[in-house]
Amino acid sequence: MSVMKEIKDKNAKSIQKQREIAFNYLFESAKDFLLPGSIYFFEYNPKFKSNLKHWDKYPLVLVTDIYDNGFMGANLHYTTAKRRTVLAQKYLNNNIASSSMPDKLFHRYITGRAENIFFEVPDDDLIEYAALPLEQFYDNKNRFVSAKKVQLGNRR
């Protein structure tokens, strides 16, 4: 079964319910460590959110570098669903380098600020996860910001 089919079968209309199903669907692929080159979906609460214009509570990140206390990666949610699916397809075809991704997708994450569980997105499910509206953006005052505003403001 695919995550989209599960969302449809459970008649999940709200993004919150779809997100819950998406996390549960990946339960078997939960990790407590990260590997560069893999894509993870997780819950995040940034330490320095007051310094960030926007931040995503539920990032979908292609990890590029690992540090002692965190990692760097491209959060696909900072671009539109259409562009995310294109990037995901290129990733699956081994036809993308991190240097060819838009700079504004890259963010540094502190591992301890994540919910300590990272859900690795299997290749077979990546296109569906890229297409789903699972992001939830906030501004530096912790106010909700629409994904469209963030994504269209991050074009490059």
N, C-alpha and C. Protein backbone atom coordinates (compact mmCIF):
# COMPACT_ATOMS: atom_id res chain seq x y z
N MET A 1 0.84 -1.17 0.00
CA MET A 1 0.00 0.00 0.00
C MET A 1 0.89 1.24 0.00
N SER A 2 0.46 2.29 -0.66
CA SER A 2 1.22 3.54 -0.68
C SER A 2 0.64 4.50 0.36
N VAL A 3 1.42 5.51 0.70
CA VAL A 3 0.94 6.50 1.67
C VAL A 3 -0.26 7.25 1.12
N MET A 4 -0.27 7.55 -0.18
CA MET A 4 -1.41 8.25 -0.78
C MET A 4 -2.67 7.39 -0.69
N LYS A 5 -2.53 6.10 -0.93
CA LYS A 5 -3.69 5.21 -0.86
C LYS A 5 -4.20 5.14 0.58
N GLU A 6 -3.28 5.09 1.52
CA GLU A 6 -3.68 5.03 2.93
C GLU A 6 -4.42 6.32 3.33
N ILE A 7 -3.93 7.45 2.87
CA ILE A 7 -4.59 8.73 3.15
C ILE A 7 -5.99 8.74 2.54
N LYS A 8 -6.09 8.25 1.33
CA LYS A 8 -7.39 8.21 0.66
C LYS A 8 -8.33 7.23 1.36
N ASP A 9 -7.83 6.04 1.69
CA ASP A 9 -8.66 5.02 2.35
C ASP A 9 -9.18 5.50 3.71
N LYS A 10 -8.38 6.30 4.40
CA LYS A 10 -8.78 6.80 5.72
C LYS A 10 -9.52 8.14 5.62
N ASN A 11 -9.75 8.57 4.38
CA ASN A 11 -10.51 9.80 4.12
C ASN A 11 -9.93 10.98 4.92
N ALA A 12 -8.61 11.07 4.91
CA ALA A 12 -7.91 12.12 5.66
C ALA A 12 -7.91 13.41 4.85
N LYS A 13 -8.76 14.31 5.22
CA LYS A 13 -8.89 15.56 4.49
C LYS A 13 -8.00 16.67 5.05
N SER A 14 -7.77 16.68 6.35
CA SER A 14 -6.95 17.74 6.94
C SER A 14 -5.46 17.40 6.76
N ILE A 15 -4.66 18.44 6.63
CA ILE A 15 -3.21 18.25 6.50
C ILE A 15 -2.66 17.60 7.77
N GLN A 16 -3.21 17.97 8.91
CA GLN A 16 -2.76 17.38 10.18
C GLN A 16 -2.97 15.86 10.18
N LYS A 17 -4.11 15.40 9.72
CA LYS A 17 -4.40 13.97 9.67
C LYS A 17 -3.50 13.28 8.63
N GLN A 18 -3.30 13.94 7.48
CA GLN A 18 -2.41 13.38 6.45
C GLN A 18 -0.99 13.25 6.98
N ARG A 19 -0.55 14.25 7.73
CA ARG A 19 0.80 14.22 8.31
C ARG A 19 0.92 13.06 9.30
N GLU A 20 -0.11 12.89 10.13
CA GLU A 20 -0.11 11.79 11.10
C GLU A 20 0.00 10.44 10.39
N ILE A 21 -0.77 10.26 9.33
CA ILE A 21 -0.71 9.02 8.55
C ILE A 21 0.67 8.85 7.92
N ALA A 22 1.23 9.95 7.41
CA ALA A 22 2.55 9.90 6.78
C ALA A 22 3.62 9.46 7.77
N PHE A 23 3.59 9.99 8.99
CA PHE A 23 4.55 9.56 10.01
C PHE A 23 4.34 8.08 10.36
N ASN A 24 3.11 7.69 10.60
CA ASN A 24 2.82 6.29 10.95
C ASN A 24 3.22 5.33 9.84
N TYR A 25 3.02 5.75 8.60
CA TYR A 25 3.37 4.92 7.45
C TYR A 25 4.88 4.61 7.44
N LEU A 26 5.68 5.56 7.89
CA LEU A 26 7.13 5.39 7.90
C LEU A 26 7.67 4.81 9.20
N PHE A 27 6.79 4.40 10.10
CA PHE A 27 7.21 3.94 11.42
C PHE A 27 8.32 2.89 11.36
N GLU A 28 8.22 1.96 10.43
CA GLU A 28 9.21 0.88 10.32
C GLU A 28 10.57 1.37 9.84
N SER A 29 10.61 2.58 9.27
CA SER A 29 11.90 3.10 8.78
C SER A 29 12.46 4.17 9.70
N ALA A 30 12.02 4.19 10.96
CA ALA A 30 12.53 5.15 11.94
C ALA A 30 13.99 4.87 12.23
N LYS A 31 14.75 5.94 12.34
CA LYS A 31 16.20 5.85 12.61
C LYS A 31 16.55 6.81 13.74
N ASP A 32 17.59 6.49 14.45
CA ASP A 32 18.09 7.43 15.44
C ASP A 32 19.44 7.99 14.99
N PHE A 33 19.80 7.76 13.73
CA PHE A 33 21.02 8.30 13.14
C PHE A 33 20.71 8.67 11.70
N LEU A 34 21.58 9.48 11.12
CA LEU A 34 21.37 9.97 9.75
C LEU A 34 22.55 9.59 8.87
N LEU A 35 22.26 9.41 7.60
CA LEU A 35 23.31 9.14 6.62
C LEU A 35 23.23 10.17 5.50
N PRO A 36 24.37 10.78 5.13
CA PRO A 36 24.35 11.70 4.00
C PRO A 36 23.85 10.99 2.74
N GLY A 37 23.06 11.70 1.97
CA GLY A 37 22.54 11.14 0.74
C GLY A 37 21.16 10.52 0.90
N SER A 38 20.67 10.43 2.13
CA SER A 38 19.33 9.88 2.38
C SER A 38 18.37 11.02 2.68
N ILE A 39 17.07 10.74 2.51
CA ILE A 39 16.03 11.74 2.75
C ILE A 39 15.22 11.31 3.97
N TYR A 40 15.00 12.29 4.87
CA TYR A 40 14.30 12.03 6.12
C TYR A 40 13.16 13.02 6.33
N PHE A 41 12.13 12.53 7.00
CA PHE A 41 10.97 13.33 7.41
C PHE A 41 10.96 13.28 8.93
N PHE A 42 10.84 14.44 9.57
CA PHE A 42 10.91 14.47 11.03
C PHE A 42 10.25 15.73 11.57
N GLU A 43 10.08 15.77 12.87
CA GLU A 43 9.53 16.95 13.53
C GLU A 43 10.70 17.74 14.12
N TYR A 44 10.65 19.07 13.98
CA TYR A 44 11.78 19.90 14.39
C TYR A 44 11.33 21.18 15.08
N ASN A 45 12.10 21.59 16.08
CA ASN A 45 11.86 22.82 16.82
C ASN A 45 13.19 23.57 16.93
N PRO A 46 13.46 24.53 16.04
CA PRO A 46 14.77 25.16 16.01
C PRO A 46 15.12 25.93 17.29
N LYS A 47 16.37 25.88 17.65
CA LYS A 47 16.85 26.57 18.84
C LYS A 47 16.85 28.09 18.63
N PHE A 48 17.20 28.52 17.45
CA PHE A 48 17.34 29.94 17.15
C PHE A 48 16.23 30.43 16.23
N LYS A 49 15.00 30.00 16.47
CA LYS A 49 13.88 30.36 15.59
C LYS A 49 13.67 31.87 15.51
N SER A 50 14.02 32.61 16.55
CA SER A 50 13.83 34.07 16.50
C SER A 50 14.77 34.73 15.49
N ASN A 51 15.81 34.01 15.06
CA ASN A 51 16.74 34.53 14.06
C ASN A 51 16.37 34.10 12.64
N LEU A 52 15.36 33.26 12.51
CA LEU A 52 14.98 32.72 11.20
C LEU A 52 13.78 33.47 10.63
N LYS A 53 13.83 33.77 9.37
CA LYS A 53 12.67 34.41 8.73
C LYS A 53 11.48 33.45 8.75
N HIS A 54 11.75 32.19 8.37
CA HIS A 54 10.74 31.13 8.39
C HIS A 54 11.41 29.83 8.82
N TRP A 55 10.62 28.93 9.37
CA TRP A 55 11.12 27.60 9.68
C TRP A 55 9.99 26.59 9.52
N ASP A 56 10.37 25.36 9.21
CA ASP A 56 9.44 24.27 8.92
C ASP A 56 9.44 23.29 10.09
N LYS A 57 8.29 23.10 10.68
CA LYS A 57 8.18 22.18 11.81
C LYS A 57 8.32 20.71 11.40
N TYR A 58 8.01 20.40 10.13
CA TYR A 58 8.06 19.01 9.64
C TYR A 58 8.90 18.92 8.37
N PRO A 59 10.20 19.07 8.49
CA PRO A 59 11.06 19.08 7.30
C PRO A 59 11.12 17.73 6.57
N LEU A 60 11.35 17.83 5.27
CA LEU A 60 11.63 16.68 4.40
C LEU A 60 13.00 16.99 3.80
N VAL A 61 14.04 16.38 4.36
CA VAL A 61 15.41 16.83 4.12
C VAL A 61 16.28 15.77 3.46
N LEU A 62 16.97 16.19 2.40
CA LEU A 62 18.06 15.41 1.81
C LEU A 62 19.31 15.81 2.58
N VAL A 63 19.83 14.90 3.40
CA VAL A 63 21.00 15.19 4.24
C VAL A 63 22.25 15.22 3.37
N THR A 64 23.03 16.31 3.54
CA THR A 64 24.25 16.45 2.75
C THR A 64 25.52 16.33 3.59
N ASP A 65 25.48 16.81 4.83
CA ASP A 65 26.65 16.78 5.69
C ASP A 65 26.24 16.49 7.13
N ILE A 66 27.11 15.78 7.85
CA ILE A 66 26.88 15.48 9.26
C ILE A 66 27.92 16.21 10.09
N TYR A 67 27.49 16.82 11.20
CA TYR A 67 28.37 17.52 12.12
C TYR A 67 28.25 16.87 13.49
N ASP A 68 29.10 17.29 14.43
CA ASP A 68 29.06 16.73 15.78
C ASP A 68 27.69 16.85 16.42
N ASN A 69 27.04 18.00 16.26
CA ASN A 69 25.77 18.22 16.94
C ASN A 69 24.59 18.37 15.98
N GLY A 70 24.80 18.05 14.72
CA GLY A 70 23.71 18.23 13.77
C GLY A 70 24.07 17.85 12.35
N PHE A 71 23.37 18.47 11.43
CA PHE A 71 23.57 18.14 10.03
C PHE A 71 23.09 19.28 9.14
N MET A 72 23.50 19.23 7.89
CA MET A 72 23.09 20.17 6.86
C MET A 72 22.29 19.38 5.84
N GLY A 73 21.27 20.03 5.30
CA GLY A 73 20.51 19.35 4.27
C GLY A 73 19.59 20.28 3.52
N ALA A 74 19.06 19.78 2.41
CA ALA A 74 18.13 20.53 1.57
C ALA A 74 16.71 20.12 1.97
N ASN A 75 15.97 21.07 2.55
CA ASN A 75 14.58 20.82 2.93
C ASN A 75 13.71 21.09 1.70
N LEU A 76 13.19 20.03 1.15
CA LEU A 76 12.40 20.14 -0.08
C LEU A 76 11.12 20.94 0.11
N HIS A 77 10.67 21.09 1.33
CA HIS A 77 9.43 21.84 1.58
C HIS A 77 9.56 23.33 1.27
N TYR A 78 10.77 23.83 1.13
CA TYR A 78 10.94 25.25 0.83
C TYR A 78 10.71 25.57 -0.64
N THR A 79 10.28 24.59 -1.40
CA THR A 79 9.88 24.84 -2.79
C THR A 79 8.51 24.19 -3.01
N THR A 80 7.90 24.48 -4.13
CA THR A 80 6.54 24.01 -4.40
C THR A 80 6.50 22.50 -4.57
N ALA A 81 5.32 21.93 -4.40
CA ALA A 81 5.15 20.47 -4.56
C ALA A 81 5.56 20.03 -5.96
N LYS A 82 5.24 20.81 -6.96
CA LYS A 82 5.61 20.47 -8.34
C LYS A 82 7.14 20.40 -8.48
N ARG A 83 7.82 21.40 -7.95
CA ARG A 83 9.28 21.42 -8.02
C ARG A 83 9.89 20.32 -7.16
N ARG A 84 9.27 20.05 -6.01
CA ARG A 84 9.76 18.96 -5.14
C ARG A 84 9.73 17.63 -5.86
N THR A 85 8.64 17.36 -6.59
CA THR A 85 8.54 16.07 -7.29
C THR A 85 9.60 15.97 -8.39
N VAL A 86 9.90 17.10 -9.03
CA VAL A 86 10.97 17.10 -10.05
C VAL A 86 12.31 16.79 -9.38
N LEU A 87 12.59 17.46 -8.26
CA LEU A 87 13.85 17.21 -7.54
C LEU A 87 13.92 15.77 -7.03
N ALA A 88 12.80 15.24 -6.55
CA ALA A 88 12.76 13.86 -6.06
C ALA A 88 13.04 12.88 -7.20
N GLN A 89 12.46 13.14 -8.36
CA GLN A 89 12.69 12.25 -9.52
C GLN A 89 14.17 12.30 -9.93
N LYS A 90 14.75 13.48 -9.93
CA LYS A 90 16.18 13.59 -10.26
C LYS A 90 17.03 12.84 -9.23
N TYR A 91 16.66 12.94 -7.97
CA TYR A 91 17.37 12.22 -6.91
C TYR A 91 17.30 10.72 -7.16
N LEU A 92 16.10 10.23 -7.48
CA LEU A 92 15.91 8.79 -7.72
C LEU A 92 16.69 8.31 -8.95
N ASN A 93 16.88 9.19 -9.92
CA ASN A 93 17.62 8.86 -11.13
C ASN A 93 19.12 9.13 -10.98
N ASN A 94 19.54 9.41 -9.73
CA ASN A 94 20.95 9.76 -9.46
C ASN A 94 21.42 10.88 -10.38
N ASN A 95 20.51 11.83 -10.62
CA ASN A 95 20.78 12.90 -11.58
C ASN A 95 20.72 14.27 -10.90
N ILE A 96 21.11 14.32 -9.65
CA ILE A 96 21.10 15.60 -8.96
C ILE A 96 22.28 15.66 -7.99
N ALA A 97 22.91 16.80 -8.00
CA ALA A 97 23.98 17.07 -7.03
C ALA A 97 23.47 18.16 -6.12
N SER A 98 23.92 18.15 -4.89
CA SER A 98 23.46 19.19 -3.97
C SER A 98 23.80 20.57 -4.49
N SER A 99 24.88 20.67 -5.27
CA SER A 99 25.27 21.98 -5.81
C SER A 99 24.27 22.50 -6.84
N SER A 100 23.42 21.63 -7.39
CA SER A 100 22.44 22.07 -8.37
C SER A 100 21.09 22.41 -7.75
N MET A 101 20.97 22.25 -6.43
CA MET A 101 19.73 22.58 -5.75
C MET A 101 19.75 24.04 -5.34
N PRO A 102 18.58 24.67 -5.29
CA PRO A 102 18.53 26.08 -4.88
C PRO A 102 19.10 26.28 -3.47
N ASP A 103 19.90 27.32 -3.30
CA ASP A 103 20.54 27.61 -2.02
C ASP A 103 19.55 27.73 -0.88
N LYS A 104 18.39 28.29 -1.15
CA LYS A 104 17.43 28.54 -0.07
C LYS A 104 16.79 27.27 0.49
N LEU A 105 17.07 26.12 -0.11
CA LEU A 105 16.58 24.86 0.45
C LEU A 105 17.48 24.37 1.58
N PHE A 106 18.71 24.88 1.63
CA PHE A 106 19.70 24.36 2.58
C PHE A 106 19.60 25.01 3.95
N HIS A 107 19.55 24.15 4.94
CA HIS A 107 19.45 24.60 6.33
C HIS A 107 20.30 23.69 7.20
N ARG A 108 20.79 24.26 8.30
CA ARG A 108 21.54 23.48 9.27
C ARG A 108 20.59 23.13 10.40
N TYR A 109 20.61 21.90 10.82
CA TYR A 109 19.73 21.39 11.87
C TYR A 109 20.55 20.89 13.05
N ILE A 110 20.07 21.14 14.24
CA ILE A 110 20.69 20.63 15.46
C ILE A 110 19.95 19.34 15.81
N THR A 111 20.68 18.25 15.85
CA THR A 111 20.06 16.94 16.06
C THR A 111 19.20 16.90 17.31
N GLY A 112 19.66 17.48 18.40
CA GLY A 112 18.93 17.46 19.66
C GLY A 112 17.63 18.26 19.64
N ARG A 113 17.41 19.07 18.61
CA ARG A 113 16.19 19.85 18.49
C ARG A 113 15.12 19.12 17.67
N ALA A 114 15.50 17.99 17.13
CA ALA A 114 14.53 17.12 16.44
C ALA A 114 13.88 16.25 17.51
N GLU A 115 12.83 15.59 17.15
CA GLU A 115 12.13 14.73 18.11
C GLU A 115 12.85 13.40 18.34
N ASN A 116 14.16 13.36 18.00
CA ASN A 116 15.04 12.22 18.23
C ASN A 116 14.74 11.00 17.38
N ILE A 117 13.74 11.09 16.54
CA ILE A 117 13.47 10.00 15.61
C ILE A 117 13.38 10.61 14.22
N PHE A 118 14.12 10.02 13.31
CA PHE A 118 14.12 10.46 11.92
C PHE A 118 13.50 9.33 11.10
N PHE A 119 12.57 9.68 10.26
CA PHE A 119 11.91 8.69 9.42
C PHE A 119 12.52 8.75 8.03
N GLU A 120 13.28 7.73 7.69
CA GLU A 120 13.89 7.68 6.37
C GLU A 120 12.82 7.38 5.34
N VAL A 121 12.78 8.18 4.30
CA VAL A 121 11.77 7.99 3.26
C VAL A 121 12.35 7.04 2.21
N PRO A 122 11.77 5.85 2.07
CA PRO A 122 12.26 4.89 1.07
C PRO A 122 12.08 5.45 -0.34
N ASP A 123 12.98 5.07 -1.23
CA ASP A 123 12.90 5.53 -2.61
C ASP A 123 11.53 5.28 -3.22
N ASP A 124 10.92 4.14 -2.93
CA ASP A 124 9.61 3.80 -3.50
C ASP A 124 8.51 4.77 -3.10
N ASP A 125 8.70 5.49 -2.01
CA ASP A 125 7.68 6.40 -1.49
C ASP A 125 8.03 7.88 -1.68
N LEU A 126 9.21 8.16 -2.19
CA LEU A 126 9.70 9.53 -2.22
C LEU A 126 8.83 10.48 -3.04
N ILE A 127 8.40 10.08 -4.21
CA ILE A 127 7.59 10.96 -5.05
C ILE A 127 6.30 11.36 -4.34
N GLU A 128 5.68 10.40 -3.67
CA GLU A 128 4.45 10.71 -2.94
C GLU A 128 4.72 11.66 -1.77
N TYR A 129 5.79 11.44 -1.04
CA TYR A 129 6.12 12.33 0.07
C TYR A 129 6.47 13.74 -0.44
N ALA A 130 7.12 13.81 -1.58
CA ALA A 130 7.43 15.11 -2.17
C ALA A 130 6.15 15.86 -2.57
N ALA A 131 5.15 15.13 -3.01
CA ALA A 131 3.90 15.74 -3.48
C ALA A 131 2.96 16.15 -2.35
N LEU A 132 3.07 15.50 -1.21
CA LEU A 132 2.14 15.78 -0.10
C LEU A 132 2.43 17.12 0.57
N PRO A 133 1.41 17.83 1.01
CA PRO A 133 1.59 19.13 1.69
C PRO A 133 1.83 18.94 3.19
N LEU A 134 2.94 18.36 3.55
CA LEU A 134 3.21 18.00 4.95
C LEU A 134 3.93 19.10 5.73
N GLU A 135 4.38 20.13 5.05
CA GLU A 135 5.12 21.20 5.70
C GLU A 135 4.20 22.05 6.60
N GLN A 136 4.84 22.69 7.57
CA GLN A 136 4.12 23.62 8.44
C GLN A 136 5.11 24.71 8.84
N PHE A 137 4.96 25.88 8.23
CA PHE A 137 5.91 26.97 8.41
C PHE A 137 5.47 27.96 9.48
N TYR A 138 6.49 28.51 10.16
CA TYR A 138 6.30 29.56 11.15
C TYR A 138 7.31 30.66 10.88
N ASP A 139 7.02 31.86 11.39
CA ASP A 139 7.97 32.95 11.27
C ASP A 139 8.78 33.08 12.56
N ASN A 140 9.61 34.11 12.64
CA ASN A 140 10.50 34.26 13.80
C ASN A 140 9.78 34.68 15.08
N LYS A 141 8.48 34.95 14.97
CA LYS A 141 7.66 35.24 16.15
C LYS A 141 6.74 34.05 16.48
N ASN A 142 7.06 32.92 15.85
CA ASN A 142 6.32 31.67 16.07
C ASN A 142 4.86 31.73 15.60
N ARG A 143 4.61 32.53 14.56
CA ARG A 143 3.28 32.64 13.95
C ARG A 143 3.25 31.80 12.69
N PHE A 144 2.12 31.14 12.46
CA PHE A 144 1.94 30.33 11.26
C PHE A 144 2.12 31.20 10.01
N VAL A 145 2.81 30.63 9.00
CA VAL A 145 3.00 31.28 7.71
C VAL A 145 2.59 30.28 6.64
N SER A 146 1.85 30.73 5.64
CA SER A 146 1.40 29.81 4.59
C SER A 146 2.60 29.28 3.81
N ALA A 147 2.49 28.02 3.42
CA ALA A 147 3.55 27.39 2.63
C ALA A 147 3.75 28.14 1.32
N LYS A 148 2.66 28.57 0.72
CA LYS A 148 2.74 29.28 -0.56
C LYS A 148 3.61 30.54 -0.43
N LYS A 149 3.41 31.29 0.64
CA LYS A 149 4.19 32.51 0.86
C LYS A 149 5.68 32.19 0.97
N VAL A 150 6.01 31.16 1.72
CA VAL A 150 7.42 30.78 1.91
C VAL A 150 8.00 30.24 0.60
N GLN A 151 7.27 29.36 -0.06
CA GLN A 151 7.78 28.72 -1.27
C GLN A 151 7.94 29.70 -2.43
N LEU A 152 6.99 30.57 -2.62
CA LEU A 152 7.07 31.52 -3.71
C LEU A 152 8.07 32.62 -3.40
N GLY A 153 8.30 32.87 -2.12
CA GLY A 153 9.31 33.83 -1.71
C GLY A 153 10.71 33.27 -1.81
N ASN A 154 10.83 31.96 -2.02
CA ASN A 154 12.15 31.30 -2.10
C ASN A 154 12.49 30.86 -3.51
N ARG A 155 11.92 31.49 -4.49
CA ARG A 155 12.26 31.11 -5.89
C ARG A 155 13.64 31.61 -6.23
N ARG A 156 14.41 30.73 -6.88
CA ARG A 156 15.71 31.08 -7.42
C ARG A 156 16.18 29.98 -8.31
